[in-house]
Amino acid sequence: MGLYHARYNACSFAKKEVKDKCFIDFHSTFLDVTQPCNGTTVVYYQDTTDNHNKASIIIENFSECTLIAIIETRDGKSFEIPVTAFQGQFGLFGERGITVENLLRVSVRCEGGGPEAICQGSIDIDRTFCICCPGHKSKKYSCDC
């Protein structure tokens, strides 16, 4: 026990005992997608923070093109989600959803349709994330993440 304590000074012990105060928050982003159906990839959402998050993503397609959502996470995973619209009572409509951890980027590539075809749709991103403030003494936010 004496050797263990001899390696640390009072300052390093104090730093180890301080616990960061964290809080959980929710953020929703709704994006309209309008781009040519020519195979070009367009980035619609980019997370530049370091906050841990979980994201539920709904992708909708209202056009004759196949809308392909490209979902990337911070750990290097990439998911391509094709969304094809079908003719319904109120026009063309297609929808897909996915939930991921640590969302980094959402891009869209549209394929098919004629040479003048326009891809139209939407992306709805609901993120729950944790924000930690080192040594922050807040009475409002006191949850542990």
Protein backbone atom coordinates (compact mmCIF):
# COMPACT_ATOMS: atom_id res chain seq x y z
CA MET A 1 0.00 0.00 0.00
CA GLY A 2 2.84 2.42 0.84
CA LEU A 3 4.50 1.91 -2.56
CA TYR A 4 1.21 2.58 -4.34
CA HIS A 5 0.70 5.90 -2.54
CA ALA A 6 4.32 6.91 -3.02
CA ARG A 7 3.82 6.95 -6.82
CA TYR A 8 0.99 9.51 -6.74
CA ASN A 9 0.96 13.00 -5.35
CA ALA A 10 -2.11 14.68 -3.82
CA CYS A 11 -2.86 16.52 -7.08
CA SER A 12 -3.11 13.34 -9.17
CA PHE A 13 -5.39 11.73 -6.56
CA ALA A 14 -7.65 14.79 -6.60
CA LYS A 15 -7.90 14.68 -10.39
CA LYS A 16 -8.89 11.00 -10.33
CA GLU A 17 -11.68 11.67 -7.83
CA VAL A 18 -13.27 14.50 -9.85
CA LYS A 19 -16.09 13.08 -11.95
CA ASP A 20 -17.22 14.86 -15.10
CA LYS A 21 -20.82 16.02 -15.05
CA CYS A 22 -22.70 14.82 -18.08
CA PHE A 23 -26.15 15.28 -19.47
CA ILE A 24 -28.15 13.61 -22.19
CA ASP A 25 -29.83 15.72 -24.85
CA PHE A 26 -31.90 15.18 -27.97
CA HIS A 27 -31.62 16.89 -31.33
CA SER A 28 -33.75 16.50 -34.45
CA THR A 29 -32.73 17.48 -37.98
CA PHE A 30 -35.01 17.38 -41.02
CA LEU A 31 -33.44 17.74 -44.46
CA ASP A 32 -34.99 18.01 -47.92
CA VAL A 33 -33.24 16.06 -50.68
CA THR A 34 -33.31 17.42 -54.23
CA GLN A 35 -30.59 16.42 -56.68
CA PRO A 36 -30.17 14.96 -60.18
CA CYS A 37 -30.49 11.17 -60.62
CA ASN A 38 -27.03 10.95 -62.16
CA GLY A 39 -25.11 8.88 -59.58
CA THR A 40 -23.49 11.89 -57.87
CA THR A 41 -23.08 11.57 -54.09
CA VAL A 42 -24.06 14.63 -52.02
CA VAL A 43 -23.34 15.00 -48.28
CA TYR A 44 -26.46 16.23 -46.45
CA TYR A 45 -25.33 15.86 -42.83
CA GLN A 46 -21.92 15.90 -41.13
CA ASP A 47 -21.32 15.60 -37.37
CA THR A 48 -18.13 17.44 -36.37
CA THR A 49 -18.45 16.89 -32.61
CA ASP A 50 -16.84 14.24 -30.42
CA ASN A 51 -20.04 13.52 -28.48
CA HIS A 52 -21.23 9.92 -28.28
CA ASN A 53 -24.63 9.60 -29.99
CA LYS A 54 -27.30 7.21 -31.11
CA ALA A 55 -29.23 8.22 -34.20
CA SER A 56 -32.51 7.05 -35.69
CA ILE A 57 -32.68 7.96 -39.36
CA ILE A 58 -35.76 7.89 -41.61
CA ILE A 59 -35.14 8.23 -45.36
CA GLU A 60 -38.04 9.02 -47.69
CA ASN A 61 -38.16 8.98 -51.48
CA PHE A 62 -40.83 10.79 -53.54
CA SER A 63 -39.37 10.25 -57.03
CA GLU A 64 -38.93 7.68 -59.79
CA CYS A 65 -35.19 7.45 -59.03
CA THR A 66 -33.73 5.03 -56.51
CA LEU A 67 -32.48 7.13 -53.58
CA ILE A 68 -29.49 5.50 -51.88
CA ALA A 69 -28.70 6.83 -48.41
CA ILE A 70 -25.07 6.30 -47.34
CA ILE A 71 -24.80 6.24 -43.55
CA GLU A 72 -21.29 6.44 -42.05
CA THR A 73 -20.31 6.02 -38.40
CA ARG A 74 -17.21 7.15 -36.50
CA ASP A 75 -15.88 3.60 -36.24
CA GLY A 76 -15.63 3.35 -40.04
CA LYS A 77 -18.82 1.40 -40.72
CA SER A 78 -20.80 2.37 -43.81
CA PHE A 79 -24.34 1.34 -44.72
CA GLU A 80 -25.97 1.86 -48.12
CA ILE A 81 -29.75 1.97 -47.79
CA PRO A 82 -31.62 1.91 -51.13
CA VAL A 83 -35.10 3.47 -51.04
CA THR A 84 -37.39 2.82 -53.98
CA ALA A 85 -40.66 4.72 -54.29
CA PHE A 86 -43.85 2.99 -55.38
CA GLN A 87 -46.99 4.52 -56.80
CA GLY A 88 -49.62 4.89 -54.10
CA GLN A 89 -52.89 6.68 -53.61
CA PHE A 90 -51.13 10.02 -53.06
CA GLY A 91 -48.23 9.64 -55.52
CA LEU A 92 -44.77 8.12 -55.37
CA PHE A 93 -43.52 7.19 -51.91
CA GLY A 94 -40.85 4.97 -50.35
CA GLU A 95 -39.43 4.92 -46.82
CA ARG A 96 -36.67 3.12 -44.88
CA GLY A 97 -35.25 3.53 -41.40
CA ILE A 98 -32.05 2.66 -39.54
CA THR A 99 -30.62 3.28 -36.06
CA VAL A 100 -26.86 3.62 -35.65
CA GLU A 101 -24.39 4.46 -32.92
CA ASN A 102 -22.00 7.40 -33.36
CA LEU A 103 -23.35 8.81 -36.61
CA LEU A 104 -20.74 10.72 -38.58
CA ARG A 105 -22.21 11.49 -42.00
CA VAL A 106 -25.32 11.01 -44.16
CA SER A 107 -24.96 11.25 -47.93
CA VAL A 108 -27.33 10.52 -50.80
CA ARG A 109 -26.72 9.08 -54.26
CA CYS A 110 -29.59 8.83 -56.73
CA GLU A 111 -29.69 6.41 -59.66
CA GLY A 112 -32.14 5.47 -62.38
CA GLY A 113 -34.86 7.58 -63.92
CA GLY A 114 -34.41 9.42 -67.20
CA PRO A 115 -31.60 11.83 -68.13
CA GLU A 116 -33.60 14.78 -66.79
CA ALA A 117 -34.93 12.98 -63.69
CA ILE A 118 -34.71 14.71 -60.32
CA CYS A 119 -34.42 12.78 -57.08
CA GLN A 120 -36.63 14.15 -54.32
CA GLY A 121 -36.97 12.95 -50.77
CA SER A 122 -36.17 13.73 -47.17
CA ILE A 123 -33.94 12.66 -44.30
CA ASP A 124 -35.11 12.86 -40.69
CA ILE A 125 -32.35 12.38 -38.09
CA ASP A 126 -33.18 12.08 -34.38
CA ARG A 127 -30.04 11.98 -32.24
CA THR A 128 -29.66 11.28 -28.54
CA PHE A 129 -26.24 12.26 -27.29
CA CYS A 130 -24.18 12.72 -24.15
CA ILE A 131 -22.32 15.94 -23.35
CA CYS A 132 -19.78 15.94 -20.52
CA CYS A 133 -18.36 19.02 -18.86
CA PRO A 134 -15.18 18.30 -16.86
CA GLY A 135 -15.57 19.51 -13.28
CA HIS A 136 -18.85 21.27 -14.17
CA LYS A 137 -21.07 21.78 -11.13
CA SER A 138 -24.56 22.01 -12.58
CA LYS A 139 -27.68 21.25 -10.58
CA LYS A 140 -29.77 21.05 -13.77
CA TYR A 141 -27.65 18.39 -15.50
CA SER A 142 -26.44 15.66 -13.20
CA CYS A 143 -26.89 12.36 -15.02
CA ASP A 144 -24.01 9.94 -15.50
CA CYS A 145 -23.44 8.74 -19.08
